[in-house]
Amino acid sequence: MHYNPGMIEKRGTGVFPGVVIGKAAVFRHTVLDSVEHLLADDTEHELAVFEGVHAQALAEIRAIKPRSKEEREMLGVYESMLSDPDFLSLIRENIKERRYTASWAVEAATEKYTAALAALGDAYFAERIADIKDAETRLLSAIAGISTGIVITEPAVIVADYLTPSELMQMDRSKILGLLLDTGGQTSHVAILAHSDEIPAILGLGDVSETAEDGDTVALDAREGVAYVRPDEKTIRSFRARKGIAARTEKELRKEAAFPAVTVDGRRIHLMCNIEGLEGVDGAIAAGAEGVGLFRTEFLMMQGFHGAEEADPHVYEEAARIMGQYGPVTFRTYDLGGDKMAEGMDTEEENPILGWRAVRFCMANRDIFRSQLISILRASALSPSVRLMFPMISGSEELLEVLDFLNDVKEECRQKGIAFDENMKIGTMIETPSAAITADVLSSYVDFMSIGTNDLIQYTIAVDRGNERIAHLYRPLHPAVLRLLKYVVDAGKEKGVTVSICGEMAGYAEYTPLLVGLGFDELSMSAHSILEVRKRIRTLDSKSCADFADNVLSLRDATSIEHALKEYNGKA
């Protein structure tokens, strides 16, 4: 029986809100001893050891069934690292030519590879270093005979020093009540997965894995970022009361799913859902979504569709048939490239995030693009709600080139007798600063514009939000970002073009007063965010929000804006 020092309070960064009381399942990673640098007596044996553990690690990654776009992206990165020919050839060369043991060969190759990436000084490659180190840990653990899998047999709160994304993805998440981790932050990969899976989580707790023991009672409020190990009876009663309040709040939110999102002074805000496949439709309907603001079609291709006309139409048509009765169904054309790769794509780029992706990829592969456009055009014949949207447009010349190609495809459909909606609305994403700054020009050629704030923020302030070393610089409320948002929405209104937001900013209720005040009448988000955002809208006065937004636009830095928004949310 371990020593019980009594109740201990820990505070960290909450990721997905929720109140949980449960038993702790504690995991502390085995610290691998530094590889002993010995020459191999039998290089053939060492090579066989490496090949065996490499095949095992690759098979484990490939066996994981992704449940979201984030998981597909992360698994793709893991697999690409474990399959990287340069990385693998360096390990094999270390064994065969330098007579390193399998462990030493992996460690030396990782060291050389990560040093080369670090020398590039780029945020994207800094994140890849963490992925390579995770791959190294998998290989070295397998060589040492240490399991990297975490198994839970009954519902529990996972308490750990850290979790890698692949470890979390391999667990039975139906049994995870919550997460408490020593490390990590709001933008870490594990945080992104916890949010996607709606797992209440608190990260960056310091030494919670050393404080708790298996079977200890733990209580956590992820909204507040506070956790208690071995809470006393008074604290347990308090948390039970919190759980009751949270459950009643959720029930009330569900009741309001049928209500329109209207401010107290009568301004209507349309709330739509972001989905990536038909599996997201039920959740969108249950949340009261007024259509699909972003259908991420690239995940159809990543799941095995390869652009053949006959492969995709049923997905587009079914989405149009089901969701079209609730509002627009916006199909974004393939946004492949960067961190979203499909089979057969060339990944050899120095900076994929700024490289051959989205419409650039599509216009270079016109047969694939033509097939997708025909599929979407066919779906438009079933419902006037179907809309088409192009991603990663950088300016008017690129947009006009894509629109010319669409017109060619439409003419081909007319000649072949393929029915489609001649008045189907066409839009563009605003994800680059160049597109935002020329929104007054782009709005002359489209029916609507949708701002992808995730990319727009990182491109505007040159911060990769997935890089934990600089994640603190990723500030959605940076004055430059807000000025671009205001410029785009005003440019759209001047031309009579609807402007929406489909990036993550739209799904956070704390940002809602500011977005309403900036002039947005359409927001698109994940299904679980719609309920809370709707409730927030129904408490707001749009004129007050507009005055607040005007004041915010005059502030000079993100910190001042963040404080102003907290104050407004506290009293509004």
Protein backbone atom coordinates (compact mmCIF):
# COMPACT_ATOMS: atom_id res chain seq x y z
CA MET A 1 0.00 0.00 0.00
CA HIS A 2 1.52 3.31 -1.06
CA TYR A 3 1.86 6.37 1.16
CA ASN A 4 -1.20 8.63 0.85
CA PRO A 5 -0.31 12.28 1.53
CA GLY A 6 -3.93 13.41 1.18
CA MET A 7 -5.64 15.64 -1.38
CA ILE A 8 -3.43 17.46 -3.89
CA GLU A 9 -4.59 20.19 -6.28
CA LYS A 10 -3.04 20.57 -9.75
CA ARG A 11 -3.64 23.25 -12.37
CA GLY A 12 -2.86 23.13 -16.06
CA THR A 13 -4.30 23.84 -19.49
CA GLY A 14 -7.81 22.55 -20.16
CA VAL A 15 -8.39 21.18 -23.66
CA PHE A 16 -11.93 19.88 -23.98
CA PRO A 17 -14.38 20.96 -21.24
CA GLY A 18 -15.93 18.42 -18.94
CA VAL A 19 -16.25 17.47 -15.27
CA VAL A 20 -15.06 13.98 -14.35
CA ILE A 21 -14.70 11.92 -11.17
CA GLY A 22 -13.05 8.55 -11.61
CA LYS A 23 -10.27 6.12 -10.79
CA ALA A 24 -6.79 6.86 -12.07
CA ALA A 25 -4.92 4.58 -14.45
CA VAL A 26 -1.34 5.80 -14.17
CA PHE A 27 1.29 5.31 -16.87
CA ARG A 28 4.90 6.39 -16.66
CA HIS A 29 7.05 5.71 -19.68
CA THR A 30 10.11 3.58 -19.21
CA VAL A 31 13.20 5.71 -19.64
CA LEU A 32 15.27 3.93 -22.25
CA ASP A 33 18.90 3.65 -21.24
CA SER A 34 21.25 5.51 -23.52
CA VAL A 35 22.28 3.14 -26.27
CA GLU A 36 25.58 1.45 -25.51
CA HIS A 37 27.78 2.13 -28.50
CA LEU A 38 29.10 -1.31 -29.26
CA LEU A 39 30.15 -2.77 -32.58
CA ALA A 40 28.05 -5.69 -33.76
CA ASP A 41 29.51 -9.17 -33.68
CA ASP A 42 26.97 -10.35 -36.24
CA THR A 43 25.73 -7.67 -38.63
CA GLU A 44 23.30 -10.05 -40.31
CA HIS A 45 21.65 -10.72 -36.94
CA GLU A 46 21.47 -7.00 -36.12
CA LEU A 47 19.99 -6.26 -39.54
CA ALA A 48 17.39 -8.98 -39.02
CA VAL A 49 16.52 -7.51 -35.59
CA PHE A 50 16.02 -4.08 -37.10
CA GLU A 51 13.95 -5.35 -40.05
CA GLY A 52 11.74 -7.27 -37.63
CA VAL A 53 11.02 -4.36 -35.28
CA HIS A 54 10.60 -1.97 -38.21
CA ALA A 55 7.98 -4.22 -39.81
CA GLN A 56 6.26 -4.54 -36.41
CA ALA A 57 6.17 -0.77 -35.84
CA LEU A 58 4.87 -0.11 -39.34
CA ALA A 59 2.20 -2.80 -38.97
CA GLU A 60 1.04 -1.30 -35.66
CA ILE A 61 0.63 2.15 -37.23
CA ARG A 62 -1.20 0.75 -40.27
CA ALA A 63 -3.53 -1.26 -38.01
CA ILE A 64 -4.85 1.88 -36.32
CA LYS A 65 -8.20 2.90 -37.76
CA PRO A 66 -8.38 6.70 -37.91
CA ARG A 67 -11.57 8.25 -36.57
CA SER A 68 -11.09 11.84 -37.71
CA LYS A 69 -9.23 14.00 -40.19
CA GLU A 70 -6.69 14.88 -37.49
CA GLU A 71 -5.93 11.21 -36.91
CA ARG A 72 -5.55 10.52 -40.63
CA GLU A 73 -3.10 13.38 -40.91
CA MET A 74 -1.03 12.27 -37.92
CA LEU A 75 -0.98 8.61 -38.92
CA GLY A 76 0.11 9.66 -42.39
CA VAL A 77 3.04 11.53 -40.87
CA TYR A 78 4.03 8.54 -38.69
CA GLU A 79 3.85 6.14 -41.59
CA SER A 80 5.85 8.43 -43.84
CA MET A 81 8.58 8.71 -41.20
CA LEU A 82 8.75 4.94 -40.68
CA SER A 83 8.80 4.46 -44.46
CA ASP A 84 11.22 7.27 -45.32
CA PRO A 85 13.81 5.68 -47.66
CA ASP A 86 16.63 8.03 -46.59
CA PHE A 87 16.03 7.35 -42.89
CA LEU A 88 15.84 3.59 -43.41
CA SER A 89 18.86 3.40 -45.72
CA LEU A 90 20.92 5.34 -43.16
CA ILE A 91 20.01 2.82 -40.43
CA ARG A 92 20.85 -0.13 -42.68
CA GLU A 93 24.10 1.51 -43.74
CA ASN A 94 25.04 2.02 -40.09
CA ILE A 95 24.59 -1.70 -39.47
CA LYS A 96 26.13 -3.13 -42.64
CA GLU A 97 28.95 -0.66 -43.29
CA ARG A 98 29.77 0.67 -39.81
CA ARG A 99 28.92 -2.54 -37.89
CA TYR A 100 26.63 -0.70 -35.41
CA THR A 101 24.19 -2.69 -33.29
CA ALA A 102 20.54 -2.25 -34.28
CA SER A 103 19.89 0.14 -31.37
CA TRP A 104 22.97 2.24 -32.05
CA ALA A 105 22.14 2.35 -35.77
CA VAL A 106 18.64 3.72 -35.06
CA GLU A 107 19.92 6.27 -32.54
CA ALA A 108 22.72 7.49 -34.82
CA ALA A 109 20.44 7.77 -37.85
CA THR A 110 17.84 9.69 -35.83
CA GLU A 111 20.49 12.05 -34.48
CA LYS A 112 21.85 12.79 -37.95
CA TYR A 113 18.40 13.15 -39.51
CA THR A 114 17.00 15.47 -36.83
CA ALA A 115 20.16 17.60 -36.84
CA ALA A 116 19.76 18.11 -40.59
CA LEU A 117 16.12 19.14 -40.18
CA ALA A 118 16.90 21.43 -37.24
CA ALA A 119 19.52 23.20 -39.35
CA LEU A 120 16.80 24.21 -41.81
CA GLY A 121 15.35 26.45 -39.09
CA ASP A 122 11.78 25.96 -40.29
CA ALA A 123 8.76 25.51 -38.02
CA TYR A 124 7.27 22.77 -40.19
CA PHE A 125 10.44 20.65 -39.94
CA ALA A 126 10.79 21.36 -36.23
CA GLU A 127 7.45 19.57 -35.78
CA ARG A 128 8.66 16.69 -37.94
CA ILE A 129 11.60 16.25 -35.53
CA ALA A 130 9.15 15.34 -32.77
CA ASP A 131 7.55 12.77 -35.10
CA ILE A 132 10.95 11.23 -35.90
CA LYS A 133 11.81 11.02 -32.20
CA ASP A 134 8.51 9.23 -31.59
CA ALA A 135 9.37 6.78 -34.37
CA GLU A 136 12.80 6.28 -32.80
CA THR A 137 11.23 5.53 -29.41
CA ARG A 138 8.97 2.93 -30.99
CA LEU A 139 11.91 1.21 -32.68
CA LEU A 140 14.24 1.31 -29.66
CA SER A 141 11.47 0.09 -27.34
CA ALA A 142 10.74 -2.82 -29.64
CA ILE A 143 14.44 -3.73 -29.82
CA ALA A 144 14.61 -3.63 -26.00
CA GLY A 145 11.44 -5.72 -25.74
CA ILE A 146 9.44 -2.94 -24.07
CA SER A 147 5.79 -2.58 -25.07
CA THR A 148 4.69 0.89 -26.21
CA GLY A 149 1.00 0.04 -26.01
CA ILE A 150 -1.20 1.24 -23.14
CA VAL A 151 -4.08 -1.06 -22.29
CA ILE A 152 -7.04 -0.14 -20.09
CA THR A 153 -9.70 -2.71 -19.28
CA GLU A 154 -12.24 -0.53 -17.47
CA PRO A 155 -13.29 3.14 -17.53
CA ALA A 156 -10.59 5.33 -16.02
CA VAL A 157 -8.92 8.72 -16.04
CA ILE A 158 -5.58 8.32 -17.78
CA VAL A 159 -2.80 9.96 -15.76
CA ALA A 160 0.56 9.95 -17.53
CA ASP A 161 3.87 11.75 -17.90
CA TYR A 162 3.01 12.18 -21.58
CA LEU A 163 1.19 10.42 -24.41
CA THR A 164 2.18 10.26 -28.02
CA PRO A 165 -0.64 10.62 -30.54
CA SER A 166 -0.14 7.05 -31.72
CA GLU A 167 -0.43 5.74 -28.14
CA LEU A 168 -3.71 7.58 -27.65
CA MET A 169 -5.04 6.35 -30.99
CA GLN A 170 -4.24 2.73 -30.05
CA MET A 171 -6.19 2.90 -26.79
CA ASP A 172 -9.84 1.96 -26.34
CA ARG A 173 -11.06 5.55 -26.07
CA SER A 174 -14.55 4.47 -25.05
CA LYS A 175 -12.98 3.67 -21.66
CA ILE A 176 -11.13 6.98 -21.28
CA LEU A 177 -13.04 9.23 -18.87
CA GLY A 178 -10.45 11.98 -19.03
CA LEU A 179 -6.75 12.78 -19.47
CA LEU A 180 -4.28 14.30 -17.00
CA LEU A 181 -0.77 14.74 -18.40
CA ASP A 182 2.45 16.21 -17.03
CA THR A 183 3.27 17.85 -20.37
CA GLY A 184 1.59 19.30 -23.44
CA GLY A 185 -0.34 22.41 -24.34
CA GLN A 186 -3.40 23.68 -26.18
CA THR A 187 -1.86 23.13 -29.63
CA SER A 188 -0.11 19.78 -29.08
CA HIS A 189 -1.15 16.81 -31.20
CA VAL A 190 -2.60 15.01 -28.17
CA ALA A 191 -4.65 18.12 -27.33
CA ILE A 192 -6.01 18.20 -30.88
CA LEU A 193 -7.01 14.52 -30.63
CA ALA A 194 -8.60 14.95 -27.20
CA HIS A 195 -10.67 17.85 -28.52
CA SER A 196 -11.65 15.85 -31.60
CA ASP A 197 -12.70 12.86 -29.45
CA GLU A 198 -14.42 15.14 -26.89
CA ILE A 199 -12.29 13.76 -24.05
CA PRO A 200 -12.05 16.14 -21.06
CA ALA A 201 -8.32 16.75 -20.68
CA ILE A 202 -5.89 18.88 -18.71
CA LEU A 203 -2.31 19.11 -19.94
CA GLY A 204 0.86 20.68 -18.57
CA LEU A 205 0.20 19.61 -14.96
CA GLY A 206 3.90 19.22 -14.14
CA ASP A 207 4.22 16.06 -12.05
CA VAL A 208 0.71 14.67 -11.74
CA SER A 209 1.95 11.24 -12.90
CA GLU A 210 4.30 11.16 -9.87
CA THR A 211 1.57 12.38 -7.52
CA ALA A 212 -1.13 9.85 -8.39
CA GLU A 213 -1.09 6.05 -8.10
CA ASP A 214 -3.22 3.44 -9.84
CA GLY A 215 -6.70 3.35 -8.35
CA ASP A 216 -6.56 6.79 -6.73
CA THR A 217 -9.74 8.82 -7.06
CA VAL A 218 -9.20 11.91 -9.23
CA ALA A 219 -11.56 14.77 -10.03
CA LEU A 220 -11.06 17.18 -12.87
CA ASP A 221 -12.80 20.20 -14.35
CA ALA A 222 -11.21 20.66 -17.76
CA ARG A 223 -12.97 23.95 -18.43
CA GLU A 224 -11.29 25.45 -15.38
CA GLY A 225 -8.05 23.49 -15.87
CA VAL A 226 -8.08 22.17 -12.28
CA ALA A 227 -7.63 18.61 -11.05
CA TYR A 228 -7.57 16.99 -7.60
CA VAL A 229 -5.76 13.78 -6.74
CA ARG A 230 -7.37 11.93 -3.82
CA PRO A 231 -10.04 14.65 -3.30
CA ASP A 232 -11.67 14.86 0.13
CA GLU A 233 -15.41 14.35 0.60
CA LYS A 234 -16.16 18.07 0.42
CA THR A 235 -14.36 18.36 -2.95
CA ILE A 236 -16.08 15.24 -4.30
CA ARG A 237 -19.48 16.69 -3.35
CA SER A 238 -18.52 19.93 -5.10
CA PHE A 239 -17.52 18.09 -8.26
CA ARG A 240 -20.69 16.01 -8.23
CA ALA A 241 -22.62 19.27 -8.12
CA ARG A 242 -20.53 20.57 -11.04
CA LYS A 243 -21.29 17.40 -13.01
CA GLY A 244 -24.99 17.89 -12.37
CA ILE A 245 -24.86 21.49 -13.55
CA ALA A 246 -22.89 20.45 -16.66
CA ALA A 247 -25.42 17.71 -17.47
CA ARG A 248 -28.36 20.08 -17.08
CA THR A 249 -26.60 22.67 -19.22
CA GLU A 250 -26.02 20.09 -21.96
CA LYS A 251 -29.67 19.07 -21.80
CA GLU A 252 -30.79 22.67 -22.13
CA LEU A 253 -28.44 23.22 -25.06
CA ARG A 254 -29.91 20.17 -26.80
CA LYS A 255 -33.41 21.57 -26.29
CA GLU A 256 -32.32 24.77 -28.04
CA ALA A 257 -30.99 22.89 -31.09
CA ALA A 258 -34.20 23.65 -32.95
CA PHE A 259 -34.05 27.37 -32.15
CA PRO A 260 -32.55 29.85 -34.63
CA ALA A 261 -29.36 31.66 -33.67
CA VAL A 262 -30.81 35.15 -33.30
CA THR A 263 -29.38 37.97 -31.18
CA VAL A 264 -31.61 39.74 -28.66
CA ASP A 265 -32.03 42.64 -31.10
CA GLY A 266 -33.14 40.32 -33.91
CA ARG A 267 -30.03 39.72 -36.04
CA ARG A 268 -29.91 36.22 -37.52
CA ILE A 269 -26.60 34.31 -37.56
CA HIS A 270 -26.52 31.12 -39.62
CA LEU A 271 -24.68 28.20 -38.01
CA MET A 272 -23.41 25.42 -40.25
CA CYS A 273 -21.27 22.34 -39.76
CA ASN A 274 -17.83 21.23 -40.98
CA ILE A 275 -17.79 17.56 -41.97
CA GLU A 276 -15.52 15.23 -43.92
CA GLY A 277 -17.86 12.40 -44.84
CA LEU A 278 -21.39 11.08 -44.51
CA GLU A 279 -20.57 9.89 -40.97
CA GLY A 280 -20.69 13.52 -39.83
CA VAL A 281 -24.22 14.16 -41.08
CA ASP A 282 -26.15 12.74 -38.10
CA GLY A 283 -24.21 14.86 -35.62
CA ALA A 284 -24.77 17.97 -37.73
CA ILE A 285 -28.52 17.40 -37.84
CA ALA A 286 -28.72 16.64 -34.09
CA ALA A 287 -26.91 19.91 -33.32
CA GLY A 288 -29.35 21.88 -35.46
CA ALA A 289 -26.86 22.79 -38.21
CA GLU A 290 -28.30 24.93 -40.99
CA GLY A 291 -26.33 23.15 -43.68
CA VAL A 292 -22.72 22.22 -44.35
CA GLY A 293 -20.34 25.15 -44.51
CA LEU A 294 -17.34 22.94 -45.29
CA PHE A 295 -17.32 19.40 -46.68
CA ARG A 296 -13.66 18.32 -46.70
CA THR A 297 -13.67 16.21 -49.86
CA GLU A 298 -9.95 15.36 -49.76
CA PHE A 299 -10.63 12.73 -47.12
CA LEU A 300 -12.67 10.77 -49.65
CA MET A 301 -9.53 10.52 -51.73
CA MET A 302 -7.32 9.71 -48.74
CA GLN A 303 -9.66 6.85 -47.81
CA GLY A 304 -9.11 5.17 -51.15
CA PHE A 305 -11.06 7.13 -53.76
CA HIS A 306 -8.79 8.18 -56.58
CA GLY A 307 -10.79 10.61 -58.61
CA ALA A 308 -12.69 8.24 -60.91
CA GLU A 309 -16.04 9.75 -61.93
CA GLU A 310 -17.89 6.63 -60.84
CA ALA A 311 -16.34 6.51 -57.34
CA ASP A 312 -17.44 9.73 -55.70
CA PRO A 313 -20.92 10.79 -56.94
CA HIS A 314 -22.91 8.76 -54.44
CA VAL A 315 -21.15 10.50 -51.53
CA TYR A 316 -21.79 13.99 -52.90
CA GLU A 317 -25.33 13.15 -53.95
CA GLU A 318 -26.20 11.53 -50.61
CA ALA A 319 -24.85 14.52 -48.68
CA ALA A 320 -26.84 16.88 -50.92
CA ARG A 321 -30.01 14.78 -50.50
CA ILE A 322 -29.80 14.59 -46.69
CA MET A 323 -28.35 17.98 -45.73
CA GLY A 324 -29.81 20.03 -48.58
CA GLN A 325 -33.13 20.28 -46.77
CA TYR A 326 -31.43 22.13 -43.89
CA GLY A 327 -29.34 24.64 -45.87
CA PRO A 328 -26.32 24.98 -48.17
CA VAL A 329 -24.01 22.01 -48.72
CA THR A 330 -20.58 23.41 -49.52
CA PHE A 331 -18.13 21.03 -51.16
CA ARG A 332 -14.55 22.25 -50.95
CA THR A 333 -12.49 20.77 -53.78
CA TYR A 334 -9.55 18.55 -52.88
CA ASP A 335 -7.30 20.34 -50.38
CA LEU A 336 -4.48 17.83 -50.73
CA GLY A 337 -0.83 18.49 -50.02
CA GLY A 338 0.99 19.91 -47.03
CA ASP A 339 -0.04 17.59 -44.17
CA LYS A 340 -2.79 15.83 -46.15
CA MET A 341 -1.30 13.35 -48.61
CA ALA A 342 -3.03 10.80 -50.79
CA GLU A 343 -1.55 7.70 -52.38
CA GLY A 344 0.71 8.52 -55.30
CA MET A 345 1.37 12.14 -54.36
CA ASP A 346 4.95 13.38 -54.58
CA THR A 347 5.96 14.41 -51.06
CA GLU A 348 9.50 15.56 -51.85
CA GLU A 349 9.16 19.27 -51.11
CA GLU A 350 11.26 21.54 -48.93
CA ASN A 351 8.19 23.27 -47.52
CA PRO A 352 4.95 21.39 -48.31
CA ILE A 353 2.72 23.83 -46.40
CA LEU A 354 3.69 26.52 -48.92
CA GLY A 355 4.05 24.12 -51.82
CA TRP A 356 2.18 21.93 -54.26
CA ARG A 357 -1.20 21.72 -52.58
CA ALA A 358 -4.94 22.37 -52.97
CA VAL A 359 -5.85 24.03 -56.33
CA ARG A 360 -2.18 23.93 -57.32
CA PHE A 361 -2.25 20.15 -57.09
CA CYS A 362 -5.65 19.97 -58.77
CA MET A 363 -4.71 22.18 -61.71
CA ALA A 364 -1.58 20.07 -62.24
CA ASN A 365 -3.75 16.91 -62.19
CA ARG A 366 -6.67 18.01 -64.33
CA ASP A 367 -8.04 14.54 -64.95
CA ILE A 368 -8.53 14.05 -61.20
CA PHE A 369 -9.89 17.59 -60.83
CA ARG A 370 -12.26 17.20 -63.81
CA SER A 371 -13.69 13.99 -62.34
CA GLN A 372 -14.35 15.61 -59.00
CA LEU A 373 -15.99 18.66 -60.55
CA ILE A 374 -18.27 16.43 -62.64
CA SER A 375 -19.23 14.51 -59.49
CA ILE A 376 -20.14 17.72 -57.67
CA LEU A 377 -21.99 19.12 -60.70
CA ARG A 378 -24.06 15.94 -60.88
CA ALA A 379 -24.95 16.32 -57.20
CA SER A 380 -26.06 19.89 -57.84
CA ALA A 381 -28.83 18.58 -60.11
CA LEU A 382 -30.41 16.95 -57.04
CA SER A 383 -30.49 20.02 -54.83
CA PRO A 384 -30.16 23.78 -55.34
CA SER A 385 -28.36 23.83 -51.99
CA VAL A 386 -25.10 22.47 -53.44
CA ARG A 387 -22.22 24.97 -53.46
CA LEU A 388 -18.68 24.58 -54.77
CA MET A 389 -15.66 26.17 -53.10
CA PHE A 390 -11.96 26.36 -54.08
CA PRO A 391 -9.22 26.22 -51.41
CA MET A 392 -5.87 27.99 -51.14
CA ILE A 393 -6.56 30.67 -53.75
CA SER A 394 -3.78 33.26 -53.65
CA GLY A 395 -5.20 35.90 -55.99
CA SER A 396 -7.46 36.78 -58.90
CA GLU A 397 -5.31 35.24 -61.65
CA GLU A 398 -5.32 31.86 -59.94
CA LEU A 399 -9.06 32.10 -59.26
CA LEU A 400 -9.86 33.03 -62.88
CA GLU A 401 -7.77 30.12 -64.16
CA VAL A 402 -9.72 27.71 -61.95
CA LEU A 403 -13.06 29.25 -62.95
CA ASP A 404 -12.14 28.91 -66.64
CA PHE A 405 -11.44 25.24 -66.08
CA LEU A 406 -14.78 24.83 -64.29
CA ASN A 407 -16.54 26.43 -67.25
CA ASP A 408 -14.80 23.96 -69.58
CA VAL A 409 -16.04 21.07 -67.43
CA LYS A 410 -19.56 22.51 -67.43
CA GLU A 411 -19.50 22.66 -71.24
CA GLU A 412 -18.32 19.06 -71.33
CA CYS A 413 -21.27 18.08 -69.13
CA ARG A 414 -23.71 19.89 -71.43
CA GLN A 415 -22.33 18.04 -74.44
CA LYS A 416 -22.55 14.69 -72.65
CA GLY A 417 -26.06 15.40 -71.37
CA ILE A 418 -25.01 15.40 -67.72
CA ALA A 419 -27.55 17.44 -65.77
CA PHE A 420 -26.36 20.04 -63.28
CA ASP A 421 -27.56 23.25 -61.67
CA GLU A 422 -26.56 26.08 -64.02
CA ASN A 423 -26.95 28.51 -61.11
CA MET A 424 -24.85 26.57 -58.60
CA LYS A 425 -23.12 29.05 -56.29
CA ILE A 426 -19.33 29.23 -56.52
CA GLY A 427 -17.07 30.41 -53.72
CA THR A 428 -13.46 30.69 -52.66
CA MET A 429 -11.62 30.11 -49.43
CA ILE A 430 -9.73 33.05 -47.96
CA GLU A 431 -6.72 31.40 -46.32
CA THR A 432 -3.75 33.45 -47.46
CA PRO A 433 -2.97 37.08 -46.64
CA SER A 434 -2.80 37.79 -50.38
CA ALA A 435 -6.38 36.56 -50.82
CA ALA A 436 -7.59 38.53 -47.80
CA ILE A 437 -5.95 41.75 -48.97
CA THR A 438 -7.46 41.37 -52.45
CA ALA A 439 -10.88 40.21 -51.21
CA ASP A 440 -12.44 43.26 -52.86
CA VAL A 441 -11.19 41.89 -56.21
CA LEU A 442 -11.96 38.21 -55.57
CA SER A 443 -15.51 39.05 -54.50
CA SER A 444 -16.19 40.27 -58.05
CA TYR A 445 -15.92 36.71 -59.37
CA VAL A 446 -17.68 34.56 -56.74
CA ASP A 447 -21.00 34.21 -54.94
CA PHE A 448 -19.52 33.69 -51.47
CA MET A 449 -16.23 33.66 -49.55
CA SER A 450 -15.29 31.51 -46.56
CA ILE A 451 -12.37 32.35 -44.31
CA GLY A 452 -10.20 29.45 -43.17
CA THR A 453 -8.82 31.06 -40.03
CA ASN A 454 -6.45 28.17 -39.18
CA ASP A 455 -4.25 28.79 -42.22
CA LEU A 456 -4.89 32.53 -42.41
CA ILE A 457 -3.60 33.00 -38.85
CA GLN A 458 -0.48 30.91 -39.29
CA TYR A 459 0.38 32.51 -42.64
CA THR A 460 -0.30 36.04 -41.38
CA ILE A 461 1.86 35.86 -38.26
CA ALA A 462 4.28 33.15 -39.55
CA VAL A 463 3.59 30.68 -36.75
CA ASP A 464 3.04 26.93 -37.08
CA ARG A 465 0.48 26.24 -34.37
CA GLY A 466 1.54 22.58 -34.19
CA ASN A 467 5.10 23.52 -33.18
CA GLU A 468 5.03 23.55 -29.38
CA ARG A 469 8.19 25.68 -29.15
CA ILE A 470 6.43 28.64 -30.78
CA ALA A 471 2.78 27.76 -30.14
CA HIS A 472 2.53 30.65 -27.65
CA LEU A 473 2.95 33.00 -30.63
CA TYR A 474 -0.14 31.58 -32.37
CA ARG A 475 -2.60 34.34 -31.45
CA PRO A 476 -5.99 34.32 -33.19
CA LEU A 477 -6.60 37.78 -31.71
CA HIS A 478 -3.48 39.32 -33.21
CA PRO A 479 -4.44 42.80 -34.52
CA ALA A 480 -3.26 41.89 -38.03
CA VAL A 481 -5.59 38.88 -38.12
CA LEU A 482 -8.61 40.85 -36.90
CA ARG A 483 -7.97 43.68 -39.37
CA LEU A 484 -7.88 41.13 -42.21
CA LEU A 485 -11.15 39.56 -41.02
CA LYS A 486 -12.81 42.97 -40.93
CA TYR A 487 -11.47 43.91 -44.36
CA VAL A 488 -12.75 40.69 -45.94
CA VAL A 489 -16.23 40.88 -44.42
CA ASP A 490 -16.56 44.54 -45.45
CA ALA A 491 -15.36 43.76 -48.99
CA GLY A 492 -17.98 41.03 -49.25
CA LYS A 493 -20.80 43.24 -48.01
CA GLU A 494 -19.86 45.94 -50.50
CA LYS A 495 -20.27 43.44 -53.36
CA GLY A 496 -23.28 41.65 -51.87
CA VAL A 497 -21.20 38.50 -51.33
CA THR A 498 -21.72 36.37 -48.22
CA VAL A 499 -18.62 35.95 -46.06
CA SER A 500 -18.42 33.13 -43.52
CA ILE A 501 -15.77 31.65 -41.25
CA CYS A 502 -15.14 27.90 -41.34
CA GLY A 503 -11.90 27.85 -39.32
CA GLU A 504 -11.65 26.92 -35.65
CA MET A 505 -12.27 30.49 -34.45
CA ALA A 506 -15.92 30.04 -35.43
CA GLY A 507 -16.38 27.19 -32.96
CA TYR A 508 -15.23 28.94 -29.78
CA ALA A 509 -18.08 30.70 -27.98
CA GLU A 510 -15.69 33.16 -26.34
CA TYR A 511 -14.91 34.58 -29.82
CA THR A 512 -18.57 34.81 -30.85
CA PRO A 513 -19.26 38.40 -29.66
CA LEU A 514 -16.23 39.64 -31.59
CA LEU A 515 -17.12 37.77 -34.80
CA VAL A 516 -20.70 39.02 -34.63
CA GLY A 517 -19.40 42.53 -34.02
CA LEU A 518 -17.04 42.31 -37.01
CA GLY A 519 -20.07 41.64 -39.20
CA PHE A 520 -20.15 37.88 -39.82
CA ASP A 521 -23.63 36.46 -40.37
CA GLU A 522 -22.51 32.89 -41.15
CA LEU A 523 -20.27 30.59 -39.08
CA SER A 524 -19.34 26.97 -39.73
CA MET A 525 -17.87 24.65 -37.11
CA SER A 526 -17.79 21.12 -35.70
CA ALA A 527 -21.13 19.76 -34.53
CA HIS A 528 -20.30 19.78 -30.81
CA SER A 529 -19.48 23.52 -30.96
CA ILE A 530 -22.80 24.58 -32.52
CA LEU A 531 -24.86 24.16 -29.34
CA GLU A 532 -22.72 26.45 -27.19
CA VAL A 533 -22.19 29.05 -29.92
CA ARG A 534 -25.95 29.19 -30.56
CA LYS A 535 -26.63 29.77 -26.86
CA ARG A 536 -24.04 32.56 -26.76
CA ILE A 537 -25.52 34.29 -29.81
CA ARG A 538 -28.97 34.29 -28.24
CA THR A 539 -27.61 36.35 -25.31
CA LEU A 540 -25.88 39.00 -27.44
CA ASP A 541 -26.94 42.45 -28.61
CA SER A 542 -25.42 42.88 -32.07
CA LYS A 543 -25.10 46.67 -31.73
CA SER A 544 -23.13 46.26 -28.51
CA CYS A 545 -20.95 43.66 -30.24
CA ALA A 546 -20.29 46.06 -33.13
CA ASP A 547 -19.24 48.83 -30.72
CA PHE A 548 -16.98 46.36 -28.93
CA ALA A 549 -15.40 45.21 -32.21
CA ASP A 550 -14.71 48.82 -33.23
CA ASN A 551 -12.94 49.37 -29.92
CA VAL A 552 -10.92 46.15 -30.27
CA LEU A 553 -9.71 47.14 -33.76
CA SER A 554 -8.11 50.22 -32.23
CA LEU A 555 -6.02 48.17 -29.74
CA ARG A 556 -2.36 47.66 -30.53
CA ASP A 557 -1.54 44.12 -29.39
CA ALA A 558 -3.04 40.65 -28.91
CA THR A 559 -2.69 40.75 -25.11
CA SER A 560 -4.81 43.90 -24.85
CA ILE A 561 -7.44 42.39 -27.15
CA GLU A 562 -7.52 39.13 -25.18
CA HIS A 563 -8.04 41.04 -21.93
CA ALA A 564 -10.77 43.18 -23.49
CA LEU A 565 -12.60 40.09 -24.77
CA LYS A 566 -12.41 38.36 -21.38
CA GLU A 567 -13.84 41.46 -19.75
CA TYR A 568 -16.64 41.71 -22.33
CA ASN A 569 -17.54 38.03 -21.94
CA GLY A 570 -17.58 38.47 -18.19
CA LYS A 571 -20.17 41.21 -18.22
CA ALA A 572 -22.12 40.62 -21.46
